Amino acid sequence: MSHKKVEVNPDLYDLVSVLTKSLSDELKDMIRGAEEENYSLVREKIHSSKGAALTFGFTAYAKELEVMREFTLKQDANGLCNSLTRLKLLLENAVFVPAE
């Protein structure tokens, strides 16, 4: 996967490191929740991650979270695992830049 540029409101750009740390921590919690089949924990983390991602213009991440939410509602462990992998790649390959 190539790097994906994410344009961030210049007023929020200084907080990108806080965003990426938060999303990374919540992703770890979602992985743990998936391993424990704790779908309510995963949905809780999806909700907070989606809000943060959308605030910073990280729409690809937010869209994948929506897909993942559907997997949690169906309790589809395989789909959830695949979605978590895609989130990890999106987070690793995002390059945040100030919007012009």
N, C-alpha and C. Protein backbone atom coordinates (compact mmCIF):
# COMPACT_ATOMS: atom_id res chain seq x y z
N MET A 1 0.85 -1.18 0.00
CA MET A 1 0.00 0.00 0.00
C MET A 1 0.89 1.24 0.00
N SER A 2 0.58 2.18 -0.88
CA SER A 2 1.37 3.40 -0.94
C SER A 2 0.91 4.37 0.14
N HIS A 3 1.75 5.38 0.35
CA HIS A 3 1.39 6.38 1.35
C HIS A 3 0.17 7.15 0.88
N LYS A 4 -0.72 7.42 1.81
CA LYS A 4 -1.96 8.13 1.53
C LYS A 4 -1.89 9.48 2.21
N LYS A 5 -1.97 10.54 1.39
CA LYS A 5 -1.91 11.89 1.94
C LYS A 5 -3.26 12.25 2.57
N VAL A 6 -3.20 12.78 3.77
CA VAL A 6 -4.39 13.23 4.49
C VAL A 6 -4.19 14.72 4.76
N GLU A 7 -5.08 15.52 4.17
CA GLU A 7 -4.99 16.96 4.37
C GLU A 7 -5.75 17.35 5.62
N VAL A 8 -5.05 18.00 6.54
CA VAL A 8 -5.59 18.36 7.85
C VAL A 8 -5.76 19.87 7.93
N ASN A 9 -6.85 20.30 8.54
CA ASN A 9 -7.06 21.72 8.80
C ASN A 9 -5.80 22.26 9.49
N PRO A 10 -5.23 23.35 8.95
CA PRO A 10 -3.99 23.88 9.54
C PRO A 10 -4.10 24.18 11.04
N ASP A 11 -5.30 24.54 11.51
CA ASP A 11 -5.49 24.83 12.93
C ASP A 11 -5.33 23.57 13.79
N LEU A 12 -5.51 22.40 13.18
CA LEU A 12 -5.41 21.15 13.93
C LEU A 12 -4.09 20.41 13.67
N TYR A 13 -3.32 20.90 12.72
CA TYR A 13 -2.13 20.16 12.29
C TYR A 13 -1.16 19.86 13.44
N ASP A 14 -1.02 20.78 14.38
CA ASP A 14 -0.10 20.56 15.51
C ASP A 14 -0.54 19.40 16.40
N LEU A 15 -1.79 18.96 16.25
CA LEU A 15 -2.32 17.88 17.09
C LEU A 15 -2.29 16.51 16.39
N VAL A 16 -1.68 16.44 15.21
CA VAL A 16 -1.65 15.18 14.46
C VAL A 16 -0.99 14.07 15.27
N SER A 17 0.07 14.38 16.00
CA SER A 17 0.74 13.33 16.79
C SER A 17 -0.19 12.79 17.87
N VAL A 18 -1.03 13.65 18.43
CA VAL A 18 -2.01 13.21 19.42
C VAL A 18 -3.04 12.29 18.76
N LEU A 19 -3.48 12.67 17.56
CA LEU A 19 -4.44 11.85 16.82
C LEU A 19 -3.86 10.46 16.53
N THR A 20 -2.67 10.42 15.98
CA THR A 20 -2.11 9.12 15.59
C THR A 20 -1.85 8.24 16.81
N LYS A 21 -1.45 8.83 17.91
CA LYS A 21 -1.26 8.05 19.14
C LYS A 21 -2.60 7.51 19.64
N SER A 22 -3.61 8.36 19.63
CA SER A 22 -4.94 7.96 20.07
C SER A 22 -5.50 6.85 19.18
N LEU A 23 -5.41 7.02 17.86
CA LEU A 23 -5.92 5.99 16.94
C LEU A 23 -5.16 4.69 17.10
N SER A 24 -3.86 4.78 17.31
CA SER A 24 -3.04 3.58 17.50
C SER A 24 -3.44 2.85 18.78
N ASP A 25 -3.63 3.60 19.86
CA ASP A 25 -4.04 2.99 21.13
C ASP A 25 -5.42 2.35 21.01
N GLU A 26 -6.35 3.06 20.35
CA GLU A 26 -7.69 2.51 20.19
C GLU A 26 -7.70 1.30 19.27
N LEU A 27 -6.82 1.29 18.28
CA LEU A 27 -6.70 0.13 17.39
C LEU A 27 -6.23 -1.09 18.19
N LYS A 28 -5.27 -0.88 19.09
CA LYS A 28 -4.80 -1.98 19.95
C LYS A 28 -5.94 -2.51 20.81
N ASP A 29 -6.76 -1.59 21.33
CA ASP A 29 -7.92 -2.00 22.13
C ASP A 29 -8.92 -2.79 21.28
N MET A 30 -9.11 -2.36 20.02
CA MET A 30 -10.03 -3.07 19.13
C MET A 30 -9.51 -4.47 18.82
N ILE A 31 -8.21 -4.58 18.62
CA ILE A 31 -7.61 -5.90 18.35
C ILE A 31 -7.82 -6.81 19.56
N ARG A 32 -7.57 -6.27 20.75
CA ARG A 32 -7.79 -7.05 21.98
C ARG A 32 -9.26 -7.45 22.11
N GLY A 33 -10.15 -6.51 21.83
CA GLY A 33 -11.57 -6.78 21.89
C GLY A 33 -11.98 -7.87 20.91
N ALA A 34 -11.41 -7.83 19.71
CA ALA A 34 -11.71 -8.85 18.71
C ALA A 34 -11.21 -10.21 19.16
N GLU A 35 -10.01 -10.24 19.73
CA GLU A 35 -9.45 -11.51 20.21
C GLU A 35 -10.31 -12.11 21.33
N GLU A 36 -10.90 -11.23 22.14
CA GLU A 36 -11.73 -11.68 23.26
C GLU A 36 -13.21 -11.81 22.87
N GLU A 37 -13.51 -11.53 21.59
CA GLU A 37 -14.89 -11.52 21.10
C GLU A 37 -15.77 -10.57 21.91
N ASN A 38 -15.16 -9.47 22.32
CA ASN A 38 -15.85 -8.42 23.06
C ASN A 38 -16.29 -7.35 22.05
N TYR A 39 -17.39 -7.64 21.35
CA TYR A 39 -17.83 -6.77 20.26
C TYR A 39 -18.31 -5.41 20.76
N SER A 40 -18.82 -5.33 21.97
CA SER A 40 -19.26 -4.03 22.48
C SER A 40 -18.05 -3.10 22.70
N LEU A 41 -16.93 -3.65 23.18
CA LEU A 41 -15.72 -2.84 23.33
C LEU A 41 -15.25 -2.35 21.96
N VAL A 42 -15.27 -3.24 20.98
CA VAL A 42 -14.83 -2.85 19.63
C VAL A 42 -15.72 -1.74 19.09
N ARG A 43 -17.03 -1.87 19.24
CA ARG A 43 -17.94 -0.83 18.75
C ARG A 43 -17.70 0.51 19.47
N GLU A 44 -17.43 0.45 20.76
CA GLU A 44 -17.15 1.67 21.53
C GLU A 44 -15.91 2.37 20.97
N LYS A 45 -14.87 1.61 20.68
CA LYS A 45 -13.63 2.18 20.15
C LYS A 45 -13.82 2.66 18.72
N ILE A 46 -14.66 1.96 17.95
CA ILE A 46 -14.96 2.40 16.58
C ILE A 46 -15.58 3.79 16.64
N HIS A 47 -16.52 3.98 17.53
CA HIS A 47 -17.24 5.25 17.64
C HIS A 47 -16.28 6.41 17.94
N SER A 48 -15.43 6.23 18.93
CA SER A 48 -14.51 7.33 19.29
C SER A 48 -13.45 7.55 18.21
N SER A 49 -12.96 6.46 17.61
CA SER A 49 -11.94 6.60 16.56
C SER A 49 -12.52 7.30 15.33
N LYS A 50 -13.76 6.96 14.99
CA LYS A 50 -14.37 7.55 13.80
C LYS A 50 -14.51 9.06 13.97
N GLY A 51 -14.96 9.50 15.14
CA GLY A 51 -15.08 10.93 15.39
C GLY A 51 -13.76 11.66 15.26
N ALA A 52 -12.72 11.08 15.82
CA ALA A 52 -11.39 11.69 15.75
C ALA A 52 -10.89 11.71 14.30
N ALA A 53 -11.05 10.61 13.61
CA ALA A 53 -10.58 10.52 12.22
C ALA A 53 -11.28 11.57 11.35
N LEU A 54 -12.60 11.69 11.50
CA LEU A 54 -13.34 12.65 10.70
C LEU A 54 -12.95 14.10 11.03
N THR A 55 -12.70 14.37 12.29
CA THR A 55 -12.28 15.72 12.70
C THR A 55 -11.01 16.13 11.98
N PHE A 56 -10.11 15.16 11.75
CA PHE A 56 -8.83 15.46 11.12
C PHE A 56 -8.82 15.19 9.62
N GLY A 57 -9.97 14.86 9.04
CA GLY A 57 -10.03 14.65 7.60
C GLY A 57 -9.52 13.30 7.13
N PHE A 58 -9.41 12.35 8.05
CA PHE A 58 -8.90 11.01 7.72
C PHE A 58 -10.10 10.15 7.33
N THR A 59 -10.71 10.49 6.19
CA THR A 59 -11.96 9.86 5.79
C THR A 59 -11.82 8.39 5.42
N ALA A 60 -10.70 8.00 4.83
CA ALA A 60 -10.51 6.58 4.47
C ALA A 60 -10.56 5.72 5.73
N TYR A 61 -9.97 6.21 6.80
CA TYR A 61 -9.96 5.48 8.07
C TYR A 61 -11.39 5.40 8.63
N ALA A 62 -12.09 6.52 8.58
CA ALA A 62 -13.47 6.55 9.08
C ALA A 62 -14.38 5.61 8.28
N LYS A 63 -14.18 5.55 6.97
CA LYS A 63 -14.99 4.65 6.14
C LYS A 63 -14.71 3.19 6.49
N GLU A 64 -13.46 2.86 6.73
CA GLU A 64 -13.14 1.48 7.12
C GLU A 64 -13.74 1.16 8.48
N LEU A 65 -13.77 2.13 9.37
CA LEU A 65 -14.41 1.91 10.67
C LEU A 65 -15.90 1.59 10.51
N GLU A 66 -16.56 2.24 9.55
CA GLU A 66 -17.97 1.95 9.28
C GLU A 66 -18.14 0.50 8.81
N VAL A 67 -17.25 0.07 7.92
CA VAL A 67 -17.27 -1.32 7.45
C VAL A 67 -17.08 -2.26 8.63
N MET A 68 -16.13 -1.93 9.48
CA MET A 68 -15.82 -2.77 10.63
C MET A 68 -17.00 -2.83 11.61
N ARG A 69 -17.71 -1.74 11.74
CA ARG A 69 -18.88 -1.72 12.63
C ARG A 69 -19.90 -2.76 12.18
N GLU A 70 -20.08 -2.88 10.88
CA GLU A 70 -21.02 -3.88 10.35
C GLU A 70 -20.55 -5.29 10.72
N PHE A 71 -19.26 -5.53 10.65
CA PHE A 71 -18.73 -6.85 11.03
C PHE A 71 -18.97 -7.13 12.51
N THR A 72 -18.87 -6.10 13.35
CA THR A 72 -19.11 -6.33 14.78
C THR A 72 -20.58 -6.63 15.03
N LEU A 73 -21.46 -5.95 14.31
CA LEU A 73 -22.88 -6.19 14.49
C LEU A 73 -23.26 -7.62 14.09
N LYS A 74 -22.59 -8.13 13.06
CA LYS A 74 -22.84 -9.50 12.60
C LYS A 74 -22.01 -10.52 13.39
N GLN A 75 -21.14 -10.01 14.24
CA GLN A 75 -20.17 -10.84 14.98
C GLN A 75 -19.39 -11.74 14.01
N ASP A 76 -18.94 -11.11 12.92
CA ASP A 76 -18.15 -11.75 11.88
C ASP A 76 -16.67 -11.59 12.22
N ALA A 77 -16.11 -12.59 12.89
CA ALA A 77 -14.73 -12.49 13.37
C ALA A 77 -13.73 -12.38 12.22
N ASN A 78 -13.96 -13.10 11.13
CA ASN A 78 -13.05 -13.06 9.99
C ASN A 78 -13.07 -11.69 9.33
N GLY A 79 -14.26 -11.16 9.08
CA GLY A 79 -14.38 -9.83 8.50
C GLY A 79 -13.76 -8.78 9.40
N LEU A 80 -13.98 -8.92 10.70
CA LEU A 80 -13.42 -7.99 11.67
C LEU A 80 -11.90 -8.01 11.63
N CYS A 81 -11.33 -9.19 11.57
CA CYS A 81 -9.87 -9.34 11.50
C CYS A 81 -9.31 -8.67 10.25
N ASN A 82 -9.96 -8.89 9.11
CA ASN A 82 -9.51 -8.27 7.86
C ASN A 82 -9.61 -6.75 7.93
N SER A 83 -10.66 -6.27 8.52
CA SER A 83 -10.85 -4.84 8.65
C SER A 83 -9.80 -4.22 9.57
N LEU A 84 -9.49 -4.89 10.65
CA LEU A 84 -8.44 -4.42 11.56
C LEU A 84 -7.10 -4.32 10.84
N THR A 85 -6.81 -5.29 9.99
CA THR A 85 -5.57 -5.26 9.21
C THR A 85 -5.56 -4.05 8.28
N ARG A 86 -6.68 -3.77 7.63
CA ARG A 86 -6.76 -2.61 6.75
C ARG A 86 -6.58 -1.31 7.54
N LEU A 87 -7.17 -1.22 8.73
CA LEU A 87 -7.00 -0.02 9.56
C LEU A 87 -5.53 0.18 9.93
N LYS A 88 -4.88 -0.91 10.29
CA LYS A 88 -3.46 -0.83 10.66
C LYS A 88 -2.63 -0.29 9.48
N LEU A 89 -2.92 -0.80 8.28
CA LEU A 89 -2.20 -0.33 7.10
C LEU A 89 -2.51 1.13 6.79
N LEU A 90 -3.76 1.51 6.90
CA LEU A 90 -4.13 2.91 6.67
C LEU A 90 -3.39 3.83 7.63
N LEU A 91 -3.33 3.45 8.89
CA LEU A 91 -2.66 4.27 9.89
C LEU A 91 -1.16 4.35 9.64
N GLU A 92 -0.57 3.21 9.30
CA GLU A 92 0.88 3.17 9.05
C GLU A 92 1.27 3.97 7.81
N ASN A 93 0.39 4.03 6.81
CA ASN A 93 0.74 4.65 5.54
C ASN A 93 0.20 6.05 5.35
N ALA A 94 -0.48 6.58 6.36
CA ALA A 94 -1.00 7.94 6.25
C ALA A 94 0.12 8.97 6.41
N VAL A 95 0.08 9.95 5.54
CA VAL A 95 1.01 11.08 5.63
C VAL A 95 0.13 12.32 5.80
N PHE A 96 0.21 12.93 6.97
CA PHE A 96 -0.62 14.08 7.29
C PHE A 96 0.09 15.36 6.87
N VAL A 97 -0.64 16.20 6.13
CA VAL A 97 -0.09 17.47 5.67
C VAL A 97 -1.13 18.56 5.95
N PRO A 98 -0.67 19.79 6.17
CA PRO A 98 -1.65 20.87 6.37
C PRO A 98 -2.41 21.14 5.07
N ALA A 99 -3.72 21.28 5.17
CA ALA A 99 -4.52 21.62 4.00
C ALA A 99 -4.20 23.05 3.58
N GLU A 100 -4.30 23.26 2.30
CA GLU A 100 -3.98 24.61 1.78
C GLU A 100 -5.22 25.46 1.70
